[in-house]
Amino acid sequence: MRYYLAVSTNPGISYAKGVCDEGRRVSVVEAFGIFTTVSTAAHELGHNLGADHDEEDDAKACDPNDLFIMSPNETAFVRGKPYSRNPWMFSNCSVEAFKTTLPNKYV
């Protein structure tokens, strides 16, 4: 299982690479307001589809400071920082992980 930890709460949980395994095709996300909930759901789905956090394990080539969806940091909105479109996109590392996890007919 993967846990996405933010500040002092755990808004989401999912099985890593579980999308193709019966009984592990699930992610659970707690509602914390529309934007946080949507970004957490996308993040947990990324784990389900096989992505690690950027800069971890198979995603070492991707910088978590680029704040893509799979950054281990809270990425949707960072106070005091200009808006970036990256929090709404998966990094190249994540896309490559999806290709590895999913059967070819789905990629």
Protein backbone atom coordinates (compact mmCIF):
# COMPACT_ATOMS: atom_id res chain seq x y z
CA MET A 1 0.00 0.00 0.00
CA ARG A 2 1.03 3.59 -0.57
CA TYR A 3 0.24 6.44 1.79
CA TYR A 4 0.19 10.07 0.73
CA LEU A 5 1.03 12.13 3.78
CA ALA A 6 0.30 15.84 3.95
CA VAL A 7 1.04 18.09 6.91
CA SER A 8 -0.50 16.15 9.82
CA THR A 9 -3.17 14.22 7.95
CA ASN A 10 -3.38 11.32 5.54
CA PRO A 11 -5.85 12.38 2.83
CA GLY A 12 -5.33 9.33 0.61
CA ILE A 13 -4.21 5.73 0.41
CA SER A 14 -3.79 3.29 -2.48
CA TYR A 15 -2.19 0.01 -3.48
CA ALA A 16 1.00 0.56 -5.47
CA LYS A 17 0.71 -1.02 -8.93
CA GLY A 18 -2.64 -2.49 -7.91
CA VAL A 19 -4.76 -1.50 -10.89
CA CYS A 20 -4.40 -4.87 -12.64
CA ASP A 21 -4.77 -7.03 -9.52
CA GLU A 22 -8.21 -8.10 -8.37
CA GLY A 23 -8.79 -6.88 -4.83
CA ARG A 24 -6.15 -4.13 -5.12
CA ARG A 25 -7.86 -1.88 -7.67
CA VAL A 26 -8.76 0.75 -5.15
CA SER A 27 -7.68 4.14 -3.88
CA VAL A 28 -9.36 5.93 -0.98
CA VAL A 29 -9.33 9.72 -0.72
CA GLU A 30 -10.74 11.87 2.07
CA ALA A 31 -12.59 15.01 1.01
CA PHE A 32 -10.72 18.19 2.03
CA GLY A 33 -12.17 20.69 -0.40
CA ILE A 34 -12.45 20.34 -4.15
CA PHE A 35 -8.90 21.20 -5.24
CA THR A 36 -7.08 19.18 -2.59
CA THR A 37 -9.42 16.24 -3.09
CA VAL A 38 -8.94 16.25 -6.87
CA SER A 39 -5.14 16.48 -6.66
CA THR A 40 -5.01 13.77 -3.97
CA ALA A 41 -7.25 11.48 -6.06
CA ALA A 42 -4.98 11.95 -9.09
CA HIS A 43 -1.91 11.27 -6.91
CA GLU A 44 -3.39 8.06 -5.47
CA LEU A 45 -4.51 6.89 -8.91
CA GLY A 46 -0.92 7.45 -10.04
CA HIS A 47 0.27 5.01 -7.36
CA ASN A 48 -2.43 2.52 -8.41
CA LEU A 49 -1.16 2.78 -11.99
CA GLY A 50 2.43 2.08 -10.90
CA ALA A 51 4.05 5.48 -10.32
CA ASP A 52 6.41 6.14 -7.42
CA HIS A 53 6.86 9.58 -5.91
CA ASP A 54 9.08 11.73 -8.12
CA GLU A 55 12.75 11.23 -7.11
CA GLU A 56 12.02 7.87 -5.39
CA ASP A 57 12.78 4.34 -6.56
CA ASP A 58 12.08 4.12 -10.32
CA ALA A 59 11.39 7.87 -10.55
CA LYS A 60 14.85 9.11 -9.50
CA ALA A 61 15.23 11.12 -12.71
CA CYS A 62 12.29 13.39 -11.82
CA ASP A 63 12.72 16.33 -9.44
CA PRO A 64 10.00 16.58 -6.77
CA ASN A 65 10.48 20.36 -6.75
CA ASP A 66 8.95 20.48 -10.23
CA LEU A 67 5.68 19.77 -8.36
CA PHE A 68 4.11 17.29 -10.77
CA ILE A 69 1.20 15.17 -9.49
CA MET A 70 3.52 12.49 -8.08
CA SER A 71 5.66 14.90 -6.07
CA PRO A 72 5.71 13.71 -2.44
CA ASN A 73 4.94 17.32 -1.48
CA GLU A 74 1.49 18.91 -1.40
CA THR A 75 1.33 20.29 -4.93
CA ALA A 76 -2.10 21.64 -5.82
CA PHE A 77 -1.64 25.12 -4.40
CA VAL A 78 1.43 26.32 -2.55
CA ARG A 79 0.88 29.60 -0.72
CA GLY A 80 3.24 32.36 -1.72
CA LYS A 81 4.34 30.62 -4.92
CA PRO A 82 3.15 31.48 -8.41
CA TYR A 83 0.74 29.07 -10.06
CA SER A 84 2.32 26.27 -12.05
CA ARG A 85 0.54 23.87 -14.39
CA ASN A 86 2.72 20.97 -13.23
CA PRO A 87 0.48 20.02 -10.27
CA TRP A 88 -2.11 19.00 -12.86
CA MET A 89 0.29 16.86 -14.94
CA PHE A 90 2.18 13.60 -14.47
CA SER A 91 5.96 13.71 -14.90
CA ASN A 92 7.74 11.69 -17.59
CA CYS A 93 8.77 9.22 -14.86
CA SER A 94 5.13 8.61 -13.97
CA VAL A 95 4.10 8.15 -17.60
CA GLU A 96 6.88 5.59 -18.08
CA ALA A 97 5.71 3.74 -14.96
CA PHE A 98 2.16 3.62 -16.35
CA LYS A 99 3.50 2.06 -19.55
CA THR A 100 5.27 -0.62 -17.50
CA THR A 101 2.27 -1.39 -15.29
CA LEU A 102 -0.50 -1.42 -17.88
CA PRO A 103 -0.83 -4.07 -20.59
CA ASN A 104 0.17 -2.76 -24.03
CA LYS A 105 -3.40 -2.66 -25.28
CA TYR A 106 -4.18 0.15 -22.79
CA VAL A 107 -1.16 2.39 -23.36
